[in-house]
Amino acid sequence: MLLNTITPRVFVAATRQNDGKTTTSLGLLAALEARYGHVGYIKPVGQRFVEIDEQKIDEDSVLMDRVFRLNCPLVDMSPIAVEPDFTRRYLQNANLDSLIKRIHKAFDRVAWEKQFVLIEGTGHAGVGSVFDLSNATVARLLNTKVVIVTRGGIGLPIDEVTMNRALFEDEGVEVIGVILNKVLPEKMEYITDFARRGLKRKGLELLGVIPHQPILSKPTLHLIREELGAEVLAGANRIHNIVQAIVIGAMSPANLVRHFQPSTLLICPADREDVLAAAAEASVRDPAQLAGVILSDDIRPSAAAQRLFEAFTCPVLLVGADSYTVASTVHDLTVKTRPDDTQKIGLIQDLIARHVDLDRILKALGPSKTSRAATSGPRDP
């Protein structure tokens, strides 16, 4: 089939997972919508998915649809969701042609009556190579140019960008520039200067430098509840509170409150009523102190403990795990922006609008330099 080659598009890639690709895509999509009015989004190959109406849909596609109301079937925004046994089944019975057709059809539907389409990759340029659909291959199949997102710095980011660009170039795909993410605010000027010099030596443009915002990597109580399978005992209306710090209630109440700071998550068993009482007093004095309370060890609170909940201006959750396990799980969470994270989404959109040069990206897109057919599969060795 012939692929839509008319609708402008860009492929957002990254040097590794959790470098900020989805964050950048979310901000860019907002900027593109403001510029063009009608925009589309597609994540051709996704690794983290949820089931919606018996369809496996990538989480990022759900996020973009919820935020921007893109008026496109979710199954087209996420044509391939890599299930746990996807690779094994592919290696047993390769079906590349059908996968390519699925991606092409999905893109054409996503691009229908749209003025621009943002394509989001998954992981680094080589992810998906095992089933012949690496990010570099998918970018070629969709006849698009690429922006690479990487973590802030100079040496390591440029090394990784160079390695990733080699894979894209091997597929005949042009990388138009780089966005540095999570740069320490106090190093913004220094990193911008020397990263631009280093990238210029490689023939690449620096398209943006995004300052690090710790809040974007902090979990909400909603995410923690989902991860732990927790029961909500109180404060469900504040389940989207953001956790900035963790305190385990394994000390005297007097010492405990000294460790509180804004948006603290308190973890302790429900039978530590002395700790809960001290936390309740602290919450009355300053409602911003506690983001949430997790009662551990599957110990249900007594009537006296439940009365203390009235003083909390935050959710109270109950879990079966012990306090240490809960704290470790929360600490190790991979935080992804969710559709209900309105505070984070607003911040992301503002960051991209202020720190990424959209005009330079659009100018660099221009006519594609790719001469290879967009409808062909991988090359013969």
Protein backbone atom coordinates (compact mmCIF):
# COMPACT_ATOMS: atom_id res chain seq x y z
CA MET A 1 0.00 0.00 0.00
CA LEU A 2 1.05 3.60 -0.54
CA LEU A 3 1.91 5.50 2.63
CA ASN A 4 0.67 9.03 3.30
CA THR A 5 3.78 11.13 2.62
CA ILE A 6 1.99 14.50 2.62
CA THR A 7 1.17 15.11 6.29
CA PRO A 8 4.17 16.66 8.11
CA ARG A 9 5.58 14.42 10.84
CA VAL A 10 8.47 14.00 13.26
CA PHE A 11 9.75 10.96 15.16
CA VAL A 12 10.79 11.51 18.79
CA ALA A 13 13.46 9.01 19.84
CA ALA A 14 15.71 8.70 22.89
CA THR A 15 19.11 7.31 23.79
CA ARG A 16 17.64 5.06 26.48
CA GLN A 17 14.49 4.47 28.52
CA ASN A 18 13.35 7.14 30.98
CA ASP A 19 15.36 9.92 29.34
CA GLY A 20 12.20 12.02 28.94
CA LYS A 21 10.90 10.98 25.52
CA THR A 22 7.25 10.87 26.56
CA THR A 23 7.60 14.09 28.55
CA THR A 24 9.08 15.80 25.49
CA SER A 25 6.42 14.32 23.21
CA LEU A 26 3.63 15.54 25.48
CA GLY A 27 5.04 19.08 25.51
CA LEU A 28 5.73 19.10 21.78
CA LEU A 29 2.23 17.86 21.01
CA ALA A 30 0.78 20.78 22.98
CA ALA A 31 2.99 23.23 21.08
CA LEU A 32 2.11 21.65 17.74
CA GLU A 33 -1.60 21.72 18.56
CA ALA A 34 -1.33 25.43 19.36
CA ARG A 35 0.43 25.96 16.03
CA TYR A 36 -1.61 23.69 13.71
CA GLY A 37 -4.93 23.11 15.45
CA HIS A 38 -5.44 19.48 14.38
CA VAL A 39 -2.60 17.11 15.24
CA GLY A 40 -2.22 13.34 15.47
CA TYR A 41 -0.11 11.02 17.60
CA ILE A 42 1.07 7.45 17.16
CA LYS A 43 3.37 5.12 19.06
CA PRO A 44 3.89 2.38 16.47
CA VAL A 45 5.59 -0.08 18.84
CA GLY A 46 4.83 0.04 22.58
CA GLN A 47 6.24 -1.99 25.46
CA ARG A 48 4.05 -0.91 28.39
CA PHE A 49 0.36 -1.39 27.76
CA VAL A 50 -3.05 -1.53 29.38
CA GLU A 51 -6.11 -3.44 28.17
CA ILE A 52 -9.01 -1.31 26.96
CA ASP A 53 -12.04 -2.94 25.36
CA GLU A 54 -10.02 -6.14 24.99
CA GLN A 55 -7.33 -4.27 23.04
CA LYS A 56 -3.75 -3.88 24.26
CA ILE A 57 -2.97 -0.16 24.12
CA ASP A 58 0.34 1.48 24.98
CA GLU A 59 0.16 3.64 28.12
CA ASP A 60 1.58 6.69 26.36
CA SER A 61 -1.11 6.54 23.67
CA VAL A 62 -3.75 6.54 26.41
CA LEU A 63 -2.05 9.54 28.02
CA MET A 64 -1.96 11.58 24.80
CA ASP A 65 -5.55 10.73 23.93
CA ARG A 66 -6.82 11.69 27.38
CA VAL A 67 -4.90 14.97 27.44
CA PHE A 68 -5.51 16.14 23.87
CA ARG A 69 -8.76 14.36 22.85
CA LEU A 70 -7.24 13.39 19.51
CA ASN A 71 -10.42 11.93 17.99
CA CYS A 72 -8.73 8.79 16.72
CA PRO A 73 -9.23 5.13 17.71
CA LEU A 74 -6.72 4.11 20.37
CA VAL A 75 -5.90 0.94 18.45
CA ASP A 76 -4.54 3.10 15.60
CA MET A 77 -2.46 5.22 17.97
CA SER A 78 -0.93 2.01 19.35
CA PRO A 79 -0.89 -0.56 16.51
CA ILE A 80 1.68 -2.93 18.03
CA ALA A 81 1.84 -3.68 21.77
CA VAL A 82 4.72 -5.98 22.63
CA GLU A 83 3.25 -8.64 24.92
CA PRO A 84 5.50 -10.87 27.06
CA ASP A 85 5.51 -13.65 24.43
CA PHE A 86 5.48 -11.36 21.36
CA THR A 87 9.17 -11.87 20.50
CA ARG A 88 9.05 -15.63 20.96
CA ARG A 89 6.02 -15.94 18.69
CA TYR A 90 7.66 -13.71 16.06
CA LEU A 91 10.87 -15.75 16.04
CA GLN A 92 8.85 -18.92 15.62
CA ASN A 93 6.76 -17.52 12.78
CA ALA A 94 7.93 -14.16 11.44
CA ASN A 95 5.06 -12.04 10.14
CA LEU A 96 6.89 -8.83 9.28
CA ASP A 97 4.79 -7.91 6.24
CA SER A 98 1.57 -7.97 8.27
CA LEU A 99 3.16 -5.86 11.02
CA ILE A 100 4.35 -3.29 8.49
CA LYS A 101 0.88 -3.12 6.93
CA ARG A 102 -0.63 -2.65 10.39
CA ILE A 103 1.71 0.28 11.11
CA HIS A 104 1.06 1.89 7.72
CA LYS A 105 -2.71 1.60 8.01
CA ALA A 106 -2.64 2.93 11.57
CA PHE A 107 -0.52 5.91 10.56
CA ASP A 108 -2.81 6.78 7.66
CA ARG A 109 -5.84 6.73 9.95
CA VAL A 110 -4.05 8.80 12.60
CA ALA A 111 -2.98 11.34 9.98
CA TRP A 112 -6.46 11.62 8.40
CA GLU A 113 -7.47 15.33 8.28
CA LYS A 114 -4.54 16.24 10.56
CA GLN A 115 -2.05 19.02 9.89
CA PHE A 116 0.82 17.29 11.73
CA VAL A 117 1.60 13.91 13.31
CA LEU A 118 3.99 13.27 16.17
CA ILE A 119 5.46 9.76 16.22
CA GLU A 120 6.92 8.49 19.49
CA GLY A 121 9.50 5.73 19.56
CA THR A 122 10.27 3.32 22.36
CA GLY A 123 13.67 3.16 24.06
CA HIS A 124 16.88 3.65 22.05
CA ALA A 125 17.24 3.42 18.27
CA GLY A 126 17.83 -0.34 18.28
CA VAL A 127 14.86 -1.39 20.43
CA GLY A 128 12.69 -3.76 18.43
CA SER A 129 15.51 -5.08 16.24
CA VAL A 130 14.87 -8.63 17.42
CA PHE A 131 11.54 -8.62 15.57
CA ASP A 132 12.80 -6.46 12.67
CA LEU A 133 11.04 -3.27 13.80
CA SER A 134 13.70 -1.19 15.51
CA ASN A 135 12.97 2.48 16.05
CA ALA A 136 15.29 3.24 13.13
CA THR A 137 13.39 0.85 10.85
CA VAL A 138 10.00 2.22 11.92
CA ALA A 139 11.19 5.78 11.26
CA ARG A 140 12.15 4.75 7.73
CA LEU A 141 8.87 2.93 7.19
CA LEU A 142 7.02 6.12 8.11
CA ASN A 143 9.29 8.35 6.02
CA THR A 144 10.08 10.66 8.90
CA LYS A 145 12.97 12.61 10.32
CA VAL A 146 14.05 12.22 13.93
CA VAL A 147 14.66 14.26 17.08
CA ILE A 148 16.70 12.49 19.75
CA VAL A 149 16.08 13.17 23.45
CA THR A 150 18.90 12.46 25.89
CA ARG A 151 19.81 13.27 29.47
CA GLY A 152 21.64 16.47 30.26
CA GLY A 153 25.41 16.52 30.17
CA ILE A 154 28.16 16.79 27.58
CA GLY A 155 30.35 13.72 27.06
CA LEU A 156 28.08 10.75 27.69
CA PRO A 157 24.97 12.22 26.01
CA ILE A 158 26.88 13.13 22.84
CA ASP A 159 28.52 9.69 22.76
CA GLU A 160 25.10 8.02 23.04
CA VAL A 161 23.49 10.34 20.49
CA THR A 162 26.28 9.53 18.03
CA MET A 163 25.75 5.80 18.49
CA ASN A 164 21.98 6.09 18.07
CA ARG A 165 22.30 8.33 15.04
CA ALA A 166 24.46 5.68 13.35
CA LEU A 167 21.53 3.24 13.50
CA PHE A 168 19.13 5.78 12.03
CA GLU A 169 21.60 6.70 9.28
CA ASP A 170 22.06 3.04 8.45
CA GLU A 171 18.34 3.02 7.64
CA GLY A 172 18.63 6.21 5.61
CA VAL A 173 16.84 8.28 8.27
CA GLU A 174 17.95 11.82 9.04
CA VAL A 175 18.41 12.98 12.65
CA ILE A 176 17.68 16.71 12.66
CA GLY A 177 18.81 17.51 16.20
CA VAL A 178 18.96 16.81 19.89
CA ILE A 179 17.04 17.85 23.00
CA LEU A 180 18.84 17.64 26.33
CA ASN A 181 16.56 16.80 29.25
CA LYS A 182 16.96 16.90 33.04
CA VAL A 183 19.75 19.48 33.07
CA LEU A 184 20.52 20.89 36.53
CA PRO A 185 19.25 24.50 36.55
CA GLU A 186 22.54 25.85 37.90
CA LYS A 187 24.38 24.24 34.94
CA MET A 188 21.99 25.28 32.17
CA GLU A 189 24.23 27.95 30.65
CA TYR A 190 27.40 25.85 30.83
CA ILE A 191 25.79 22.67 29.45
CA THR A 192 24.02 24.57 26.67
CA ASP A 193 27.25 26.20 25.50
CA PHE A 194 29.46 23.12 25.42
CA ALA A 195 26.78 20.64 24.30
CA ARG A 196 26.01 22.91 21.33
CA ARG A 197 29.73 22.97 20.45
CA GLY A 198 30.05 19.21 20.76
CA LEU A 199 26.93 18.49 18.71
CA LYS A 200 27.94 20.98 16.03
CA ARG A 201 31.16 19.01 15.52
CA LYS A 202 28.94 16.02 14.75
CA GLY A 203 26.76 18.00 12.38
CA LEU A 204 23.83 18.11 14.79
CA GLU A 205 21.78 20.99 16.13
CA LEU A 206 20.87 21.52 19.77
CA LEU A 207 17.10 22.03 19.65
CA GLY A 208 16.42 22.51 23.35
CA VAL A 209 17.73 22.24 26.89
CA ILE A 210 15.13 21.35 29.53
CA PRO A 211 15.91 22.08 33.19
CA HIS A 212 15.52 19.25 35.69
CA GLN A 213 12.28 19.39 37.66
CA PRO A 214 12.36 16.91 40.58
CA ILE A 215 8.58 16.91 40.87
CA LEU A 216 8.27 15.12 37.50
CA SER A 217 10.05 12.05 38.88
CA LYS A 218 8.02 11.94 42.09
CA PRO A 219 5.10 9.48 42.37
CA THR A 220 1.51 10.33 43.20
CA LEU A 221 -0.51 8.45 45.81
CA HIS A 222 -2.61 7.13 42.93
CA LEU A 223 0.43 5.48 41.32
CA ILE A 224 1.58 4.11 44.70
CA ARG A 225 -1.88 2.70 45.39
CA GLU A 226 -1.88 0.91 42.04
CA GLU A 227 1.63 -0.49 42.51
CA LEU A 228 0.96 -1.77 46.03
CA GLY A 229 -2.64 -2.83 45.50
CA ALA A 230 -3.52 -0.70 48.51
CA GLU A 231 -6.94 -0.15 50.03
CA VAL A 232 -8.00 3.48 50.43
CA LEU A 233 -9.31 4.07 53.96
CA ALA A 234 -9.68 7.84 53.83
CA GLY A 235 -8.92 10.90 51.71
CA ALA A 236 -9.68 9.41 48.29
CA ASN A 237 -10.35 12.91 46.92
CA ARG A 238 -6.64 13.71 47.35
CA ILE A 239 -5.28 10.53 45.79
CA HIS A 240 -3.31 12.55 43.23
CA ASN A 241 -1.11 14.19 45.88
CA ILE A 242 2.57 14.10 44.88
CA VAL A 243 5.05 12.48 47.29
CA GLN A 244 8.28 14.42 47.79
CA ALA A 245 9.77 12.52 50.75
CA ILE A 246 9.30 9.29 52.71
CA VAL A 247 9.42 8.77 56.48
CA ILE A 248 9.05 5.39 58.22
CA GLY A 249 7.37 5.62 61.62
CA ALA A 250 10.00 3.56 63.44
CA MET A 251 11.08 6.23 65.93
CA SER A 252 9.64 8.24 68.78
CA PRO A 253 6.86 10.67 67.85
CA ALA A 254 9.02 13.64 68.86
CA ASN A 255 11.80 12.59 66.51
CA LEU A 256 9.38 11.63 63.78
CA VAL A 257 7.84 15.05 63.22
CA ARG A 258 11.28 16.62 62.87
CA HIS A 259 11.73 14.57 59.71
CA PHE A 260 8.54 15.86 58.10
CA GLN A 261 8.86 18.20 55.14
CA PRO A 262 6.29 19.35 52.58
CA SER A 263 4.51 16.42 50.86
CA THR A 264 5.90 13.65 53.07
CA LEU A 265 4.61 10.08 52.87
CA LEU A 266 4.39 8.46 56.31
CA ILE A 267 4.67 4.65 56.48
CA CYS A 268 3.89 2.77 59.71
CA PRO A 269 1.66 -0.01 61.08
CA ALA A 270 -1.79 1.04 62.32
CA ASP A 271 -0.97 -0.10 65.85
CA ARG A 272 1.55 2.77 66.19
CA GLU A 273 -1.19 5.09 67.37
CA ASP A 274 1.36 7.33 69.09
CA VAL A 275 3.02 7.96 65.71
CA LEU A 276 -0.33 8.55 64.01
CA ALA A 277 -1.38 10.99 66.73
CA ALA A 278 1.85 12.99 66.32
CA ALA A 279 1.37 13.02 62.55
CA ALA A 280 -2.22 14.20 62.96
CA GLU A 281 -1.08 17.10 65.16
CA ALA A 282 1.59 18.04 62.60
CA SER A 283 -0.99 17.89 59.82
CA VAL A 284 -3.32 20.23 61.70
CA ARG A 285 -0.48 22.74 62.17
CA ASP A 286 0.57 22.52 58.53
CA PRO A 287 -1.71 20.62 56.10
CA ALA A 288 1.06 20.63 53.46
CA GLN A 289 3.32 18.42 55.59
CA LEU A 290 1.74 15.09 54.66
CA ALA A 291 1.07 13.85 51.14
CA GLY A 292 -0.27 10.57 52.44
CA VAL A 293 -0.16 7.87 55.12
CA ILE A 294 0.37 4.17 54.38
CA LEU A 295 -0.57 1.69 57.10
CA SER A 296 1.58 -1.41 56.69
CA ASP A 297 1.58 -5.08 57.78
CA ASP A 298 -2.14 -5.47 57.03
CA ILE A 299 -3.00 -4.25 60.53
CA ARG A 300 -6.40 -2.61 60.39
CA PRO A 301 -6.73 0.58 62.42
CA SER A 302 -8.64 0.65 65.70
CA ALA A 303 -11.59 2.96 66.22
CA ALA A 304 -9.27 5.41 68.00
CA ALA A 305 -6.82 5.40 65.08
CA GLN A 306 -9.64 5.94 62.60
CA ARG A 307 -10.73 9.05 64.49
CA LEU A 308 -7.24 10.46 63.92
CA PHE A 309 -7.80 10.25 60.16
CA GLU A 310 -10.16 13.20 60.41
CA ALA A 311 -7.16 15.44 61.10
CA PHE A 312 -5.32 14.28 57.98
CA THR A 313 -5.74 16.33 54.83
CA CYS A 314 -4.34 13.46 52.79
CA PRO A 315 -5.17 9.87 51.77
CA VAL A 316 -4.73 6.97 54.20
CA LEU A 317 -3.93 3.62 52.57
CA LEU A 318 -3.69 0.08 53.94
CA VAL A 319 -1.30 -2.54 52.55
CA GLY A 320 -0.21 -6.04 53.51
CA ALA A 321 3.55 -5.54 53.11
CA ASP A 322 5.86 -4.45 55.93
CA SER A 323 7.08 -0.85 56.20
CA TYR A 324 10.54 -1.50 54.75
CA THR A 325 9.13 -3.29 51.69
CA VAL A 326 6.64 -0.49 51.12
CA ALA A 327 9.35 2.19 51.36
CA SER A 328 11.64 0.27 49.01
CA THR A 329 8.87 -0.22 46.46
CA VAL A 330 7.94 3.47 46.49
CA HIS A 331 11.60 4.50 46.22
CA ASP A 332 12.19 2.26 43.19
CA LEU A 333 9.05 3.19 41.27
CA THR A 334 9.45 4.17 37.63
CA VAL A 335 7.33 7.29 37.49
CA LYS A 336 5.38 7.83 34.28
CA THR A 337 3.11 10.81 33.74
CA ARG A 338 -0.55 9.77 34.02
CA PRO A 339 -3.58 11.46 32.43
CA ASP A 340 -4.80 12.69 35.83
CA ASP A 341 -1.45 14.28 36.78
CA THR A 342 -2.72 17.73 35.83
CA GLN A 343 -0.07 19.59 37.83
CA LYS A 344 2.75 17.72 36.11
CA ILE A 345 1.18 17.99 32.65
CA GLY A 346 0.84 21.75 32.95
CA LEU A 347 4.47 22.04 34.05
CA ILE A 348 5.67 19.83 31.17
CA GLN A 349 3.83 21.85 28.56
CA ASP A 350 5.26 25.08 29.94
CA LEU A 351 8.80 23.66 30.05
CA ILE A 352 8.75 22.53 26.42
CA ALA A 353 7.18 25.78 25.24
CA ARG A 354 9.94 27.80 26.94
CA HIS A 355 12.98 25.60 26.38
CA VAL A 356 12.53 23.80 23.03
CA ASP A 357 12.82 25.66 19.71
CA LEU A 358 9.77 24.46 17.78
CA ASP A 359 10.45 26.79 14.87
CA ARG A 360 13.90 25.26 14.39
CA ILE A 361 12.43 21.77 14.44
CA LEU A 362 9.79 22.62 11.84
CA LYS A 363 12.36 24.36 9.62
CA ALA A 364 14.68 21.34 9.82
CA LEU A 365 11.93 18.94 8.78
CA GLY A 366 11.59 20.35 5.24
CA PRO A 367 11.73 17.84 2.38
CA SER A 368 13.06 14.45 3.47
CA LYS A 369 16.55 13.46 2.35
CA THR A 370 15.57 9.79 2.57
CA SER A 371 15.65 8.15 -0.84
CA ARG A 372 14.74 4.62 0.21
CA ALA A 373 11.24 3.24 -0.21
CA ALA A 374 9.05 3.82 2.85
CA THR A 375 7.09 0.65 2.25
CA SER A 376 9.92 -1.87 2.23
CA GLY A 377 11.01 -4.04 5.13
CA PRO A 378 14.55 -4.56 6.42
CA ARG A 379 17.31 -4.75 3.85
CA ASP A 380 18.94 -7.96 2.84
CA PRO A 381 22.29 -8.47 4.57
